[in-house]
Amino acid sequence: MRSVLALLRPHKRQFGRLVGIAGVLIVSSQVLRGAPRTVQVELELGPEHRNFVEVRVGYVQAGQELHAVAFNFPAGAPDRLQHTVRLPAGDIEVHTELRPEHGKILGSAFHLHSPSEELVRIRVPTESM
């Protein structure tokens, strides 16, 4: 152990810088891993899609809503709906509400894991249960 210390003593400054740089890199990688990322989401609304005039999507993590968006379609929703959202890393609950012009709102919940490098496809049930 003393021989290692004796070897390092003349290079104390360089060794200190190396340890400092390594520490900054480790902390930075941890911080960047948790930073919000862009996620592409596609909702597949199925054969009954035209019956709905509004689609609401909420993203929830640990009981807190992070982001929500609503899309209005006076002539009826398309069969697929794509959008982009920035989400932190981790497991996310996706809550959807489909609102018909008249009648009962259909709600569903799904899970996704962020970040996702690929398009996240969610098949939303459009028939009342």
C-alpha atoms as a PDB file:
ATOM      1  CA  MET A   1       0.000   0.000   0.000  1.00  0.00           C
ATOM      2  CA  ARG A   2       2.852   2.382   0.832  1.00  0.00           C
ATOM      3  CA  SER A   3       4.483   1.692  -2.518  1.00  0.00           C
ATOM      4  CA  VAL A   4       1.274   2.712  -4.336  1.00  0.00           C
ATOM      5  CA  LEU A   5       1.077   5.915  -2.320  1.00  0.00           C
ATOM      6  CA  ALA A   6       4.732   6.621  -3.007  1.00  0.00           C
ATOM      7  CA  LEU A   7       4.098   6.244  -6.752  1.00  0.00           C
ATOM      8  CA  LEU A   8       1.038   8.518  -6.677  1.00  0.00           C
ATOM      9  CA  ARG A   9       2.529  11.269  -4.501  1.00  0.00           C
ATOM     10  CA  PRO A  10       4.473  13.008  -7.338  1.00  0.00           C
ATOM     11  CA  HIS A  11       1.342  12.881  -9.534  1.00  0.00           C
ATOM     12  CA  LYS A  12      -1.121  14.088  -6.920  1.00  0.00           C
ATOM     13  CA  ARG A  13      -2.500  16.944  -9.064  1.00  0.00           C
ATOM     14  CA  GLN A  14      -3.020  14.851 -12.177  1.00  0.00           C
ATOM     15  CA  PHE A  15      -4.621  12.069 -10.142  1.00  0.00           C
ATOM     16  CA  GLY A  16      -6.921  14.591  -8.435  1.00  0.00           C
ATOM     17  CA  ARG A  17      -8.028  15.987 -11.803  1.00  0.00           C
ATOM     18  CA  LEU A  18      -8.657  12.493 -13.125  1.00  0.00           C
ATOM     19  CA  VAL A  19     -10.804  11.626 -10.106  1.00  0.00           C
ATOM     20  CA  GLY A  20     -12.686  14.933 -10.449  1.00  0.00           C
ATOM     21  CA  ILE A  21     -13.381  14.398 -14.151  1.00  0.00           C
ATOM     22  CA  ALA A  22     -14.534  10.827 -13.511  1.00  0.00           C
ATOM     23  CA  GLY A  23     -16.894  12.085 -10.807  1.00  0.00           C
ATOM     24  CA  VAL A  24     -18.387  14.745 -13.092  1.00  0.00           C
ATOM     25  CA  LEU A  25     -18.917  12.165 -15.850  1.00  0.00           C
ATOM     26  CA  ILE A  26     -20.659   9.736 -13.501  1.00  0.00           C
ATOM     27  CA  VAL A  27     -22.967  12.408 -12.055  1.00  0.00           C
ATOM     28  CA  SER A  28     -23.726  13.818 -15.540  1.00  0.00           C
ATOM     29  CA  SER A  29     -24.664  10.401 -16.893  1.00  0.00           C
ATOM     30  CA  GLN A  30     -27.102   9.897 -14.008  1.00  0.00           C
ATOM     31  CA  VAL A  31     -28.685  13.326 -14.472  1.00  0.00           C
ATOM     32  CA  LEU A  32     -29.035  12.905 -18.245  1.00  0.00           C
ATOM     33  CA  ARG A  33     -30.579   9.455 -17.838  1.00  0.00           C
ATOM     34  CA  GLY A  34     -33.514  11.017 -15.942  1.00  0.00           C
ATOM     35  CA  ALA A  35     -33.970  13.982 -18.303  1.00  0.00           C
ATOM     36  CA  PRO A  36     -37.237  14.105 -20.279  1.00  0.00           C
ATOM     37  CA  ARG A  37     -37.115  12.490 -23.707  1.00  0.00           C
ATOM     38  CA  THR A  38     -39.302  12.755 -26.765  1.00  0.00           C
ATOM     39  CA  VAL A  39     -41.651   9.789 -27.195  1.00  0.00           C
ATOM     40  CA  GLN A  40     -43.783   9.150 -30.300  1.00  0.00           C
ATOM     41  CA  VAL A  41     -47.214   7.709 -29.423  1.00  0.00           C
ATOM     42  CA  GLU A  42     -49.836   6.276 -31.761  1.00  0.00           C
ATOM     43  CA  LEU A  43     -53.345   5.541 -30.525  1.00  0.00           C
ATOM     44  CA  GLU A  44     -55.221   2.923 -32.545  1.00  0.00           C
ATOM     45  CA  LEU A  45     -58.910   3.726 -32.113  1.00  0.00           C
ATOM     46  CA  GLY A  46     -60.372   0.744 -33.950  1.00  0.00           C
ATOM     47  CA  PRO A  47     -63.556   0.336 -35.995  1.00  0.00           C
ATOM     48  CA  GLU A  48     -65.762   2.617 -33.863  1.00  0.00           C
ATOM     49  CA  HIS A  49     -63.411   5.624 -34.165  1.00  0.00           C
ATOM     50  CA  ARG A  50     -65.887   7.856 -36.030  1.00  0.00           C
ATOM     51  CA  ASN A  51     -68.260   7.795 -33.045  1.00  0.00           C
ATOM     52  CA  PHE A  52     -65.895   9.962 -30.973  1.00  0.00           C
ATOM     53  CA  VAL A  53     -65.529  13.733 -31.249  1.00  0.00           C
ATOM     54  CA  GLU A  54     -62.819  14.183 -28.595  1.00  0.00           C
ATOM     55  CA  VAL A  55     -59.819  12.110 -27.534  1.00  0.00           C
ATOM     56  CA  ARG A  56     -58.040  13.050 -24.301  1.00  0.00           C
ATOM     57  CA  VAL A  57     -54.689  11.539 -23.297  1.00  0.00           C
ATOM     58  CA  GLY A  58     -53.009  12.009 -19.905  1.00  0.00           C
ATOM     59  CA  TYR A  59     -49.544  10.829 -18.868  1.00  0.00           C
ATOM     60  CA  VAL A  60     -49.179  10.005 -15.174  1.00  0.00           C
ATOM     61  CA  GLN A  61     -46.120   8.981 -13.158  1.00  0.00           C
ATOM     62  CA  ALA A  62     -46.242   8.193  -9.433  1.00  0.00           C
ATOM     63  CA  GLY A  63     -49.789   9.566  -9.209  1.00  0.00           C
ATOM     64  CA  GLN A  64     -48.918  12.944 -10.750  1.00  0.00           C
ATOM     65  CA  GLU A  65     -50.136  13.996 -14.187  1.00  0.00           C
ATOM     66  CA  LEU A  66     -47.089  15.072 -16.193  1.00  0.00           C
ATOM     67  CA  HIS A  67     -48.740  16.013 -19.458  1.00  0.00           C
ATOM     68  CA  ALA A  68     -52.211  15.978 -20.985  1.00  0.00           C
ATOM     69  CA  VAL A  69     -53.550  16.721 -24.424  1.00  0.00           C
ATOM     70  CA  ALA A  70     -57.022  16.749 -25.979  1.00  0.00           C
ATOM     71  CA  PHE A  71     -57.854  16.398 -29.667  1.00  0.00           C
ATOM     72  CA  ASN A  72     -61.211  17.495 -31.076  1.00  0.00           C
ATOM     73  CA  PHE A  73     -62.788  15.974 -34.199  1.00  0.00           C
ATOM     74  CA  PRO A  74     -66.231  17.446 -34.975  1.00  0.00           C
ATOM     75  CA  ALA A  75     -66.709  14.949 -37.864  1.00  0.00           C
ATOM     76  CA  GLY A  76     -65.400  11.962 -35.851  1.00  0.00           C
ATOM     77  CA  ALA A  77     -61.934  10.799 -34.846  1.00  0.00           C
ATOM     78  CA  PRO A  78     -59.554   9.097 -37.296  1.00  0.00           C
ATOM     79  CA  ASP A  79     -58.719   5.408 -36.827  1.00  0.00           C
ATOM     80  CA  ARG A  80     -55.148   6.312 -35.745  1.00  0.00           C
ATOM     81  CA  LEU A  81     -53.907   9.335 -33.888  1.00  0.00           C
ATOM     82  CA  GLN A  82     -50.195  10.163 -33.519  1.00  0.00           C
ATOM     83  CA  HIS A  83     -48.553  12.749 -31.314  1.00  0.00           C
ATOM     84  CA  THR A  84     -45.223  13.494 -29.656  1.00  0.00           C
ATOM     85  CA  VAL A  85     -44.735  14.022 -25.928  1.00  0.00           C
ATOM     86  CA  ARG A  86     -41.712  14.697 -23.687  1.00  0.00           C
ATOM     87  CA  LEU A  87     -41.610  12.314 -20.744  1.00  0.00           C
ATOM     88  CA  PRO A  88     -39.097  11.548 -17.997  1.00  0.00           C
ATOM     89  CA  ALA A  89     -37.518   8.105 -17.801  1.00  0.00           C
ATOM     90  CA  GLY A  90     -39.464   5.362 -16.104  1.00  0.00           C
ATOM     91  CA  ASP A  91     -42.846   3.689 -16.113  1.00  0.00           C
ATOM     92  CA  ILE A  92     -45.695   5.934 -17.237  1.00  0.00           C
ATOM     93  CA  GLU A  93     -49.450   5.367 -17.040  1.00  0.00           C
ATOM     94  CA  VAL A  94     -51.340   6.510 -20.118  1.00  0.00           C
ATOM     95  CA  HIS A  95     -54.970   7.447 -19.410  1.00  0.00           C
ATOM     96  CA  THR A  96     -57.322   7.882 -22.352  1.00  0.00           C
ATOM     97  CA  GLU A  97     -60.852   9.239 -22.569  1.00  0.00           C
ATOM     98  CA  LEU A  98     -62.951   8.919 -25.703  1.00  0.00           C
ATOM     99  CA  ARG A  99     -65.934  11.283 -25.780  1.00  0.00           C
ATOM    100  CA  PRO A 100     -68.813  10.654 -28.146  1.00  0.00           C
ATOM    101  CA  GLU A 101     -71.066  13.478 -29.250  1.00  0.00           C
ATOM    102  CA  HIS A 102     -73.786  11.933 -27.078  1.00  0.00           C
ATOM    103  CA  GLY A 103     -73.485   9.176 -24.547  1.00  0.00           C
ATOM    104  CA  LYS A 104     -71.005   7.655 -22.172  1.00  0.00           C
ATOM    105  CA  ILE A 105     -67.289   8.579 -22.067  1.00  0.00           C
ATOM    106  CA  LEU A 106     -65.002   5.555 -22.458  1.00  0.00           C
ATOM    107  CA  GLY A 107     -61.897   5.560 -20.283  1.00  0.00           C
ATOM    108  CA  SER A 108     -58.859   3.270 -20.442  1.00  0.00           C
ATOM    109  CA  ALA A 109     -55.437   3.008 -18.834  1.00  0.00           C
ATOM    110  CA  PHE A 110     -52.217   1.603 -20.278  1.00  0.00           C
ATOM    111  CA  HIS A 111     -48.537   1.483 -19.372  1.00  0.00           C
ATOM    112  CA  LEU A 112     -45.461   2.504 -21.302  1.00  0.00           C
ATOM    113  CA  HIS A 113     -41.791   2.729 -20.441  1.00  0.00           C
ATOM    114  CA  SER A 114     -39.906   5.898 -21.279  1.00  0.00           C
ATOM    115  CA  PRO A 115     -37.635   6.486 -23.076  1.00  0.00           C
ATOM    116  CA  SER A 116     -38.681   4.534 -26.127  1.00  0.00           C
ATOM    117  CA  GLU A 117     -36.706   4.817 -29.332  1.00  0.00           C
ATOM    118  CA  GLU A 118     -39.581   3.355 -31.354  1.00  0.00           C
ATOM    119  CA  LEU A 119     -43.147   4.459 -31.963  1.00  0.00           C
ATOM    120  CA  VAL A 120     -45.301   3.377 -28.989  1.00  0.00           C
ATOM    121  CA  ARG A 121     -48.564   1.891 -30.273  1.00  0.00           C
ATOM    122  CA  ILE A 122     -51.551   1.717 -27.943  1.00  0.00           C
ATOM    123  CA  ARG A 123     -54.735  -0.058 -29.009  1.00  0.00           C
ATOM    124  CA  VAL A 124     -57.588   1.824 -27.321  1.00  0.00           C
ATOM    125  CA  PRO A 125     -60.868  -0.102 -26.947  1.00  0.00           C
ATOM    126  CA  THR A 126     -63.733   1.809 -28.557  1.00  0.00           C
ATOM    127  CA  GLU A 127     -66.641  -0.463 -27.722  1.00  0.00           C
ATOM    128  CA  SER A 128     -68.472  -0.021 -24.419  1.00  0.00           C
ATOM    129  CA  MET A 129     -68.032  -2.928 -22.077  1.00  0.00           C
END
